[in-house]
């Protein structure tokens, strides 16, 4: 079982997100796709995603992650463009 840590930002300044985040969420995932509980904030344009275990993620209006969607290695952090109302989903991968 892994955890996905999500921070939402309204904007970025060059290559860094402007702190503090608008919202933060954590989801716990395993062998089935799990979505974050709250849709992204109305001003969210950028999300920071950190995973502590290997997973695959999907971002969208009602996303479902599968082991064929974008993969993140354990203990990595990535930034993605996002929109208000979207969610992120994660599933364990190898």
PDB file of N, CA and C in Angstrom:
ATOM      1  N   UNK A   1       0.841  -1.167   0.000  1.00  0.00           N
ATOM      2  CA  UNK A   1       0.000   0.000   0.000  1.00  0.00           C
ATOM      3  C   UNK A   1       0.889   1.234   0.000  1.00  0.00           C
ATOM      4  N   UNK A   2       0.535   2.213  -0.832  1.00  0.00           N
ATOM      5  CA  UNK A   2       1.328   3.428  -0.909  1.00  0.00           C
ATOM      6  C   UNK A   2       0.492   4.650  -0.633  1.00  0.00           C
ATOM      7  N   UNK A   3       1.175   5.783  -0.509  1.00  0.00           N
ATOM      8  CA  UNK A   3       0.496   7.056  -0.308  1.00  0.00           C
ATOM      9  C   UNK A   3       0.921   8.022  -1.389  1.00  0.00           C
ATOM     10  N   UNK A   4      -0.046   8.802  -1.850  1.00  0.00           N
ATOM     11  CA  UNK A   4       0.191   9.843  -2.833  1.00  0.00           C
ATOM     12  C   UNK A   4      -0.134  11.167  -2.157  1.00  0.00           C
ATOM     13  N   UNK A   5       0.808  12.089  -2.192  1.00  0.00           N
ATOM     14  CA  UNK A   5       0.653  13.388  -1.552  1.00  0.00           C
ATOM     15  C   UNK A   5       0.467  14.436  -2.640  1.00  0.00           C
ATOM     16  N   UNK A   6      -0.613  15.211  -2.574  1.00  0.00           N
ATOM     17  CA  UNK A   6      -0.954  16.160  -3.613  1.00  0.00           C
ATOM     18  C   UNK A   6      -1.023  17.558  -3.015  1.00  0.00           C
ATOM     19  N   UNK A   7      -0.348  18.517  -3.637  1.00  0.00           N
ATOM     20  CA  UNK A   7      -0.446  19.925  -3.244  1.00  0.00           C
ATOM     21  C   UNK A   7      -0.903  20.698  -4.470  1.00  0.00           C
ATOM     22  N   UNK A   8      -1.851  21.624  -4.286  1.00  0.00           N
ATOM     23  CA  UNK A   8      -2.420  22.395  -5.388  1.00  0.00           C
ATOM     24  C   UNK A   8      -1.924  23.839  -5.334  1.00  0.00           C
ATOM     25  N   UNK A   9      -1.594  24.386  -6.522  1.00  0.00           N
ATOM     26  CA  UNK A   9      -1.082  25.748  -6.610  1.00  0.00           C
ATOM     27  C   UNK A   9      -1.836  26.545  -7.671  1.00  0.00           C
ATOM     28  N   UNK A  10      -1.984  27.852  -7.429  1.00  0.00           N
ATOM     29  CA  UNK A  10      -2.654  28.726  -8.377  1.00  0.00           C
ATOM     30  C   UNK A  10      -1.722  29.103  -9.520  1.00  0.00           C
ATOM     31  N   UNK A  11      -0.433  29.207  -9.224  1.00  0.00           N
ATOM     32  CA  UNK A  11       0.518  29.594 -10.258  1.00  0.00           C
ATOM     33  C   UNK A  11       1.931  29.199  -9.881  1.00  0.00           C
ATOM     34  N   UNK A  12       2.772  29.246 -10.901  1.00  0.00           N
ATOM     35  CA  UNK A  12       4.189  28.969 -10.696  1.00  0.00           C
ATOM     36  C   UNK A  12       4.977  30.205 -11.097  1.00  0.00           C
ATOM     37  N   UNK A  13       6.101  30.399 -10.460  1.00  0.00           N
ATOM     38  CA  UNK A  13       6.991  31.503 -10.783  1.00  0.00           C
ATOM     39  C   UNK A  13       8.269  30.896 -11.321  1.00  0.00           C
ATOM     40  N   UNK A  14       8.446  30.932 -12.613  1.00  0.00           N
ATOM     41  CA  UNK A  14       9.554  30.294 -13.315  1.00  0.00           C
ATOM     42  C   UNK A  14       9.475  28.784 -13.086  1.00  0.00           C
ATOM     43  N   UNK A  15      10.345  28.212 -12.305  1.00  0.00           N
ATOM     44  CA  UNK A  15      10.336  26.752 -12.148  1.00  0.00           C
ATOM     45  C   UNK A  15       9.883  26.298 -10.765  1.00  0.00           C
ATOM     46  N   UNK A  16       9.331  27.214  -9.961  1.00  0.00           N
ATOM     47  CA  UNK A  16       8.873  26.821  -8.631  1.00  0.00           C
ATOM     48  C   UNK A  16       7.422  27.229  -8.412  1.00  0.00           C
ATOM     49  N   UNK A  17       6.722  26.448  -7.627  1.00  0.00           N
ATOM     50  CA  UNK A  17       5.341  26.761  -7.283  1.00  0.00           C
ATOM     51  C   UNK A  17       5.336  27.818  -6.185  1.00  0.00           C
ATOM     52  N   UNK A  18       4.376  28.729  -6.234  1.00  0.00           N
ATOM     53  CA  UNK A  18       4.286  29.770  -5.210  1.00  0.00           C
ATOM     54  C   UNK A  18       3.596  29.222  -3.971  1.00  0.00           C
ATOM     55  N   UNK A  19       4.325  29.221  -2.865  1.00  0.00           N
ATOM     56  CA  UNK A  19       3.806  28.757  -1.579  1.00  0.00           C
ATOM     57  C   UNK A  19       2.980  29.849  -0.923  1.00  0.00           C
ATOM     58  N   UNK A  20       2.059  29.532  -0.081  1.00  0.00           N
ATOM     59  CA  UNK A  20       1.649  28.189   0.332  1.00  0.00           C
ATOM     60  C   UNK A  20       0.679  27.594  -0.687  1.00  0.00           C
ATOM     61  N   UNK A  21       0.508  26.270  -0.646  1.00  0.00           N
ATOM     62  CA  UNK A  21      -0.449  25.647  -1.560  1.00  0.00           C
ATOM     63  C   UNK A  21      -1.877  26.050  -1.209  1.00  0.00           C
ATOM     64  N   UNK A  22      -2.744  25.980  -2.214  1.00  0.00           N
ATOM     65  CA  UNK A  22      -4.167  26.259  -2.002  1.00  0.00           C
ATOM     66  C   UNK A  22      -4.820  25.167  -1.169  1.00  0.00           C
ATOM     67  N   UNK A  23      -4.389  23.934  -1.384  1.00  0.00           N
ATOM     68  CA  UNK A  23      -4.955  22.771  -0.689  1.00  0.00           C
ATOM     69  C   UNK A  23      -3.941  21.643  -0.737  1.00  0.00           C
ATOM     70  N   UNK A  24      -4.060  20.725   0.197  1.00  0.00           N
ATOM     71  CA  UNK A  24      -3.229  19.530   0.221  1.00  0.00           C
ATOM     72  C   UNK A  24      -4.117  18.336   0.522  1.00  0.00           C
ATOM     73  N   UNK A  25      -3.828  17.218  -0.138  1.00  0.00           N
ATOM     74  CA  UNK A  25      -4.576  15.978   0.069  1.00  0.00           C
ATOM     75  C   UNK A  25      -3.606  14.812   0.081  1.00  0.00           C
ATOM     76  N   UNK A  26      -4.004  13.741   0.700  1.00  0.00           N
ATOM     77  CA  UNK A  26      -3.244  12.496   0.687  1.00  0.00           C
ATOM     78  C   UNK A  26      -4.216  11.373   0.383  1.00  0.00           C
ATOM     79  N   UNK A  27      -3.828  10.487  -0.530  1.00  0.00           N
ATOM     80  CA  UNK A  27      -4.648   9.299  -0.778  1.00  0.00           C
ATOM     81  C   UNK A  27      -3.797   8.060  -0.576  1.00  0.00           C
ATOM     82  N   UNK A  28      -4.419   7.023  -0.078  1.00  0.00           N
ATOM     83  CA  UNK A  28      -3.774   5.734   0.105  1.00  0.00           C
ATOM     84  C   UNK A  28      -4.290   4.809  -0.980  1.00  0.00           C
ATOM     85  N   UNK A  29      -3.392   4.165  -1.707  1.00  0.00           N
ATOM     86  CA  UNK A  29      -3.780   3.316  -2.826  1.00  0.00           C
ATOM     87  C   UNK A  29      -3.164   1.937  -2.695  1.00  0.00           C
ATOM     88  N   UNK A  30      -3.785   0.986  -3.358  1.00  0.00           N
ATOM     89  CA  UNK A  30      -3.272  -0.393  -3.410  1.00  0.00           C
ATOM     90  C   UNK A  30      -3.614  -0.950  -4.791  1.00  0.00           C
ATOM     91  N   UNK A  31      -4.294  -2.102  -4.835  1.00  0.00           N
ATOM     92  CA  UNK A  31      -4.548  -2.793  -6.090  1.00  0.00           C
ATOM     93  C   UNK A  31      -5.739  -2.324  -6.882  1.00  0.00           C
ATOM     94  N   UNK A  32      -6.472  -1.308  -6.404  1.00  0.00           N
ATOM     95  CA  UNK A  32      -7.607  -0.752  -7.141  1.00  0.00           C
ATOM     96  C   UNK A  32      -7.426   0.759  -7.237  1.00  0.00           C
ATOM     97  N   UNK A  33      -7.917   1.350  -8.316  1.00  0.00           N
ATOM     98  CA  UNK A  33      -7.807   2.792  -8.511  1.00  0.00           C
ATOM     99  C   UNK A  33      -8.558   3.534  -7.410  1.00  0.00           C
ATOM    100  N   UNK A  34      -7.897   4.552  -6.844  1.00  0.00           N
ATOM    101  CA  UNK A  34      -8.483   5.378  -5.789  1.00  0.00           C
ATOM    102  C   UNK A  34      -8.342   6.837  -6.204  1.00  0.00           C
ATOM    103  N   UNK A  35      -9.438   7.600  -6.132  1.00  0.00           N
ATOM    104  CA  UNK A  35      -9.415   9.027  -6.444  1.00  0.00           C
ATOM    105  C   UNK A  35      -9.236   9.848  -5.180  1.00  0.00           C
ATOM    106  N   UNK A  36      -8.640  11.058  -5.348  1.00  0.00           N
ATOM    107  CA  UNK A  36      -8.604  11.982  -4.211  1.00  0.00           C
ATOM    108  C   UNK A  36     -10.039  12.342  -3.850  1.00  0.00           C
ATOM    109  N   UNK A  37     -10.281  12.624  -2.600  1.00  0.00           N
ATOM    110  CA  UNK A  37     -11.644  12.826  -2.130  1.00  0.00           C
ATOM    111  C   UNK A  37     -12.238  14.159  -2.566  1.00  0.00           C
ATOM    112  N   UNK A  38     -11.410  15.171  -2.747  1.00  0.00           N
ATOM    113  CA  UNK A  38     -11.907  16.496  -3.138  1.00  0.00           C
ATOM    114  C   UNK A  38     -11.432  16.860  -4.537  1.00  0.00           C
ATOM    115  N   UNK A  39     -12.336  17.430  -5.334  1.00  0.00           N
ATOM    116  CA  UNK A  39     -11.942  17.962  -6.632  1.00  0.00           C
ATOM    117  C   UNK A  39     -10.974  19.124  -6.391  1.00  0.00           C
ATOM    118  N   UNK A  40     -10.128  19.417  -7.377  1.00  0.00           N
ATOM    119  CA  UNK A  40      -9.156  20.488  -7.222  1.00  0.00           C
ATOM    120  C   UNK A  40      -9.852  21.836  -7.027  1.00  0.00           C
ATOM    121  N   UNK A  41      -9.235  22.679  -6.246  1.00  0.00           N
ATOM    122  CA  UNK A  41      -9.693  24.025  -5.904  1.00  0.00           C
ATOM    123  C   UNK A  41      -9.987  24.834  -7.171  1.00  0.00           C
ATOM    124  N   UNK A  42     -10.861  25.808  -7.070  1.00  0.00           N
ATOM    125  CA  UNK A  42     -11.247  26.636  -8.210  1.00  0.00           C
ATOM    126  C   UNK A  42     -10.109  27.401  -8.860  1.00  0.00           C
ATOM    127  N   UNK A  43      -9.037  27.679  -8.129  1.00  0.00           N
ATOM    128  CA  UNK A  43      -7.895  28.429  -8.667  1.00  0.00           C
ATOM    129  C   UNK A  43      -6.705  27.549  -9.018  1.00  0.00           C
ATOM    130  N   UNK A  44      -6.835  26.238  -8.853  1.00  0.00           N
ATOM    131  CA  UNK A  44      -5.701  25.337  -9.106  1.00  0.00           C
ATOM    132  C   UNK A  44      -5.319  25.322 -10.585  1.00  0.00           C
ATOM    133  N   UNK A  45      -4.018  25.499 -10.851  1.00  0.00           N
ATOM    134  CA  UNK A  45      -3.470  25.417 -12.200  1.00  0.00           C
ATOM    135  C   UNK A  45      -2.264  24.479 -12.257  1.00  0.00           C
ATOM    136  N   UNK A  46      -1.737  24.131 -11.096  1.00  0.00           N
ATOM    137  CA  UNK A  46      -0.533  23.307 -11.007  1.00  0.00           C
ATOM    138  C   UNK A  46      -0.658  22.423  -9.779  1.00  0.00           C
ATOM    139  N   UNK A  47      -0.284  21.143  -9.910  1.00  0.00           N
ATOM    140  CA  UNK A  47      -0.266  20.268  -8.738  1.00  0.00           C
ATOM    141  C   UNK A  47       1.120  19.653  -8.580  1.00  0.00           C
ATOM    142  N   UNK A  48       1.501  19.471  -7.341  1.00  0.00           N
ATOM    143  CA  UNK A  48       2.737  18.771  -6.983  1.00  0.00           C
ATOM    144  C   UNK A  48       2.303  17.413  -6.467  1.00  0.00           C
ATOM    145  N   UNK A  49       2.862  16.347  -7.037  1.00  0.00           N
ATOM    146  CA  UNK A  49       2.478  14.982  -6.673  1.00  0.00           C
ATOM    147  C   UNK A  49       3.725  14.238  -6.202  1.00  0.00           C
ATOM    148  N   UNK A  50       3.661  13.690  -5.006  1.00  0.00           N
ATOM    149  CA  UNK A  50       4.763  12.888  -4.469  1.00  0.00           C
ATOM    150  C   UNK A  50       4.212  11.524  -4.080  1.00  0.00           C
ATOM    151  N   UNK A  51       4.928  10.470  -4.464  1.00  0.00           N
ATOM    152  CA  UNK A  51       4.512   9.123  -4.094  1.00  0.00           C
ATOM    153  C   UNK A  51       5.606   8.441  -3.287  1.00  0.00           C
ATOM    154  N   UNK A  52       5.204   7.635  -2.315  1.00  0.00           N
ATOM    155  CA  UNK A  52       6.199   6.914  -1.517  1.00  0.00           C
ATOM    156  C   UNK A  52       6.370   5.469  -1.987  1.00  0.00           C
ATOM    157  N   UNK A  53       5.597   5.065  -3.000  1.00  0.00           N
ATOM    158  CA  UNK A  53       5.703   3.714  -3.561  1.00  0.00           C
ATOM    159  C   UNK A  53       5.412   3.789  -5.060  1.00  0.00           C
ATOM    160  N   UNK A  54       5.784   2.765  -5.796  1.00  0.00           N
ATOM    161  CA  UNK A  54       5.542   2.748  -7.241  1.00  0.00           C
ATOM    162  C   UNK A  54       4.043   2.749  -7.505  1.00  0.00           C
ATOM    163  N   UNK A  55       3.611   3.648  -8.405  1.00  0.00           N
ATOM    164  CA  UNK A  55       2.188   3.714  -8.728  1.00  0.00           C
ATOM    165  C   UNK A  55       2.003   4.207 -10.150  1.00  0.00           C
ATOM    166  N   UNK A  56       0.768   4.123 -10.621  1.00  0.00           N
ATOM    167  CA  UNK A  56       0.349   4.764 -11.861  1.00  0.00           C
ATOM    168  C   UNK A  56      -0.724   5.754 -11.488  1.00  0.00           C
ATOM    169  N   UNK A  57      -0.786   6.884 -12.221  1.00  0.00           N
ATOM    170  CA  UNK A  57      -1.764   7.916 -11.910  1.00  0.00           C
ATOM    171  C   UNK A  57      -2.541   8.314 -13.155  1.00  0.00           C
ATOM    172  N   UNK A  58      -3.689   8.919 -12.931  1.00  0.00           N
ATOM    173  CA  UNK A  58      -4.487   9.522 -13.999  1.00  0.00           C
ATOM    174  C   UNK A  58      -5.090  10.803 -13.439  1.00  0.00           C
ATOM    175  N   UNK A  59      -5.174  11.835 -14.279  1.00  0.00           N
ATOM    176  CA  UNK A  59      -5.734  13.122 -13.880  1.00  0.00           C
ATOM    177  C   UNK A  59      -6.854  13.462 -14.847  1.00  0.00           C
ATOM    178  N   UNK A  60      -7.993  13.920 -14.319  1.00  0.00           N
ATOM    179  CA  UNK A  60      -9.105  14.289 -15.188  1.00  0.00           C
ATOM    180  C   UNK A  60     -10.360  14.546 -14.391  1.00  0.00           C
ATOM    181  N   UNK A  61     -11.498  14.619 -15.100  1.00  0.00           N
ATOM    182  CA  UNK A  61     -12.772  14.898 -14.451  1.00  0.00           C
ATOM    183  C   UNK A  61     -13.242  13.772 -13.553  1.00  0.00           C
ATOM    184  N   UNK A  62     -13.097  12.548 -14.013  1.00  0.00           N
ATOM    185  CA  UNK A  62     -13.469  11.355 -13.237  1.00  0.00           C
ATOM    186  C   UNK A  62     -12.459  10.258 -13.585  1.00  0.00           C
ATOM    187  N   UNK A  63     -11.192  10.446 -13.202  1.00  0.00           N
ATOM    188  CA  UNK A  63     -10.129   9.558 -13.679  1.00  0.00           C
ATOM    189  C   UNK A  63     -10.127   8.179 -13.016  1.00  0.00           C
ATOM    190  N   UNK A  64      -9.670   7.208 -13.772  1.00  0.00           N
ATOM    191  CA  UNK A  64      -9.417   5.869 -13.256  1.00  0.00           C
ATOM    192  C   UNK A  64      -7.986   5.515 -13.632  1.00  0.00           C
ATOM    193  N   UNK A  65      -7.162   5.267 -12.650  1.00  0.00           N
ATOM    194  CA  UNK A  65      -5.782   4.862 -12.903  1.00  0.00           C
ATOM    195  C   UNK A  65      -5.740   3.367 -13.165  1.00  0.00           C
ATOM    196  N   UNK A  66      -4.902   2.970 -14.108  1.00  0.00           N
ATOM    197  CA  UNK A  66      -4.647   1.555 -14.370  1.00  0.00           C
ATOM    198  C   UNK A  66      -3.137   1.375 -14.404  1.00  0.00           C
ATOM    199  N   UNK A  67      -2.691   0.156 -14.443  1.00  0.00           N
ATOM    200  CA  UNK A  67      -1.242  -0.074 -14.509  1.00  0.00           C
ATOM    201  C   UNK A  67      -0.678   0.311 -15.878  1.00  0.00           C
ATOM    202  N   UNK A  68      -1.539   0.758 -16.795  1.00  0.00           N
ATOM    203  CA  UNK A  68      -1.080   1.234 -18.102  1.00  0.00           C
ATOM    204  C   UNK A  68      -1.048   2.748 -18.206  1.00  0.00           C
ATOM    205  N   UNK A  69      -1.534   3.467 -17.180  1.00  0.00           N
ATOM    206  CA  UNK A  69      -1.460   4.926 -17.207  1.00  0.00           C
ATOM    207  C   UNK A  69      -0.103   5.370 -16.673  1.00  0.00           C
ATOM    208  N   UNK A  70       0.159   6.664 -16.710  1.00  0.00           N
ATOM    209  CA  UNK A  70       1.512   7.164 -16.407  1.00  0.00           C
ATOM    210  C   UNK A  70       2.010   6.648 -15.062  1.00  0.00           C
ATOM    211  N   UNK A  71       3.241   6.169 -15.074  1.00  0.00           N
ATOM    212  CA  UNK A  71       3.847   5.513 -13.916  1.00  0.00           C
ATOM    213  C   UNK A  71       4.769   6.476 -13.191  1.00  0.00           C
ATOM    214  N   UNK A  72       4.751   6.401 -11.872  1.00  0.00           N
ATOM    215  CA  UNK A  72       5.688   7.157 -11.041  1.00  0.00           C
ATOM    216  C   UNK A  72       6.513   6.173 -10.223  1.00  0.00           C
ATOM    217  N   UNK A  73       7.803   6.401 -10.180  1.00  0.00           N
ATOM    218  CA  UNK A  73       8.691   5.570  -9.375  1.00  0.00           C
ATOM    219  C   UNK A  73       8.518   5.914  -7.899  1.00  0.00           C
ATOM    220  N   UNK A  74       8.897   5.010  -7.037  1.00  0.00           N
ATOM    221  CA  UNK A  74       8.818   5.242  -5.597  1.00  0.00           C
ATOM    222  C   UNK A  74       9.671   6.442  -5.207  1.00  0.00           C
ATOM    223  N   UNK A  75       9.174   7.207  -4.257  1.00  0.00           N
ATOM    224  CA  UNK A  75       9.892   8.353  -3.695  1.00  0.00           C
ATOM    225  C   UNK A  75      10.247   9.406  -4.737  1.00  0.00           C
ATOM    226  N   UNK A  76       9.301   9.673  -5.647  1.00  0.00           N
ATOM    227  CA  UNK A  76       9.517  10.721  -6.643  1.00  0.00           C
ATOM    228  C   UNK A  76       8.452  11.801  -6.506  1.00  0.00           C
ATOM    229  N   UNK A  77       8.808  12.983  -7.012  1.00  0.00           N
ATOM    230  CA  UNK A  77       7.907  14.129  -7.012  1.00  0.00           C
ATOM    231  C   UNK A  77       7.843  14.677  -8.422  1.00  0.00           C
ATOM    232  N   UNK A  78       6.628  14.975  -8.896  1.00  0.00           N
ATOM    233  CA  UNK A  78       6.443  15.565 -10.216  1.00  0.00           C
ATOM    234  C   UNK A  78       5.397  16.669 -10.121  1.00  0.00           C
ATOM    235  N   UNK A  79       5.465  17.595 -11.070  1.00  0.00           N
ATOM    236  CA  UNK A  79       4.497  18.683 -11.174  1.00  0.00           C
ATOM    237  C   UNK A  79       3.703  18.502 -12.459  1.00  0.00           C
ATOM    238  N   UNK A  80       2.391  18.775 -12.390  1.00  0.00           N
ATOM    239  CA  UNK A  80       1.517  18.642 -13.549  1.00  0.00           C
ATOM    240  C   UNK A  80       0.585  19.840 -13.618  1.00  0.00           C
ATOM    241  N   UNK A  81       0.275  20.266 -14.832  1.00  0.00           N
ATOM    242  CA  UNK A  81      -0.765  21.263 -15.022  1.00  0.00           C
ATOM    243  C   UNK A  81      -2.094  20.621 -14.676  1.00  0.00           C
ATOM    244  N   UNK A  82      -2.998  21.384 -14.094  1.00  0.00           N
ATOM    245  CA  UNK A  82      -4.298  20.841 -13.705  1.00  0.00           C
ATOM    246  C   UNK A  82      -5.330  21.953 -13.772  1.00  0.00           C
ATOM    247  N   UNK A  83      -6.596  21.565 -13.710  1.00  0.00           N
ATOM    248  CA  UNK A  83      -7.684  22.524 -13.778  1.00  0.00           C
ATOM    249  C   UNK A  83      -8.635  22.335 -12.610  1.00  0.00           C
ATOM    250  N   UNK A  84      -9.347  23.390 -12.310  1.00  0.00           N
ATOM    251  CA  UNK A  84     -10.377  23.354 -11.289  1.00  0.00           C
ATOM    252  C   UNK A  84     -11.354  22.221 -11.581  1.00  0.00           C
ATOM    253  N   UNK A  85     -11.747  21.497 -10.541  1.00  0.00           N
ATOM    254  CA  UNK A  85     -12.734  20.435 -10.691  1.00  0.00           C
ATOM    255  C   UNK A  85     -12.162  19.083 -11.065  1.00  0.00           C
ATOM    256  N   UNK A  86     -10.911  19.042 -11.516  1.00  0.00           N
ATOM    257  CA  UNK A  86     -10.302  17.754 -11.829  1.00  0.00           C
ATOM    258  C   UNK A  86      -9.946  17.027 -10.545  1.00  0.00           C
ATOM    259  N   UNK A  87      -9.627  15.757 -10.697  1.00  0.00           N
ATOM    260  CA  UNK A  87      -9.158  14.920  -9.594  1.00  0.00           C
ATOM    261  C   UNK A  87      -7.957  14.117 -10.079  1.00  0.00           C
ATOM    262  N   UNK A  88      -7.290  13.464  -9.143  1.00  0.00           N
ATOM    263  CA  UNK A  88      -6.208  12.554  -9.480  1.00  0.00           C
ATOM    264  C   UNK A  88      -6.550  11.187  -8.881  1.00  0.00           C
ATOM    265  N   UNK A  89      -6.194  10.143  -9.600  1.00  0.00           N
ATOM    266  CA  UNK A  89      -6.407   8.780  -9.132  1.00  0.00           C
ATOM    267  C   UNK A  89      -5.073   8.043  -9.180  1.00  0.00           C
ATOM    268  N   UNK A  90      -4.907   7.074  -8.294  1.00  0.00           N
ATOM    269  CA  UNK A  90      -3.659   6.301  -8.242  1.00  0.00           C
ATOM    270  C   UNK A  90      -3.978   4.823  -8.010  1.00  0.00           C
ATOM    271  N   UNK A  91      -3.060   3.973  -8.486  1.00  0.00           N
ATOM    272  CA  UNK A  91      -3.136   2.527  -8.279  1.00  0.00           C
ATOM    273  C   UNK A  91      -1.707   2.008  -8.120  1.00  0.00           C
ATOM    274  N   UNK A  92      -1.525   0.988  -7.314  1.00  0.00           N
ATOM    275  CA  UNK A  92      -0.193   0.393  -7.143  1.00  0.00           C
ATOM    276  C   UNK A  92       0.275  -0.212  -8.470  1.00  0.00           C
ATOM    277  N   UNK A  93       1.561  -0.153  -8.709  1.00  0.00           N
ATOM    278  CA  UNK A  93       2.167  -0.713  -9.915  1.00  0.00           C
ATOM    279  C   UNK A  93       3.498  -1.346  -9.523  1.00  0.00           C
ATOM    280  N   UNK A  94       4.151  -1.978 -10.470  1.00  0.00           N
ATOM    281  CA  UNK A  94       5.460  -2.589 -10.206  1.00  0.00           C
ATOM    282  C   UNK A  94       6.526  -1.983 -11.084  1.00  0.00           C
TER     283      UNK A  94
END
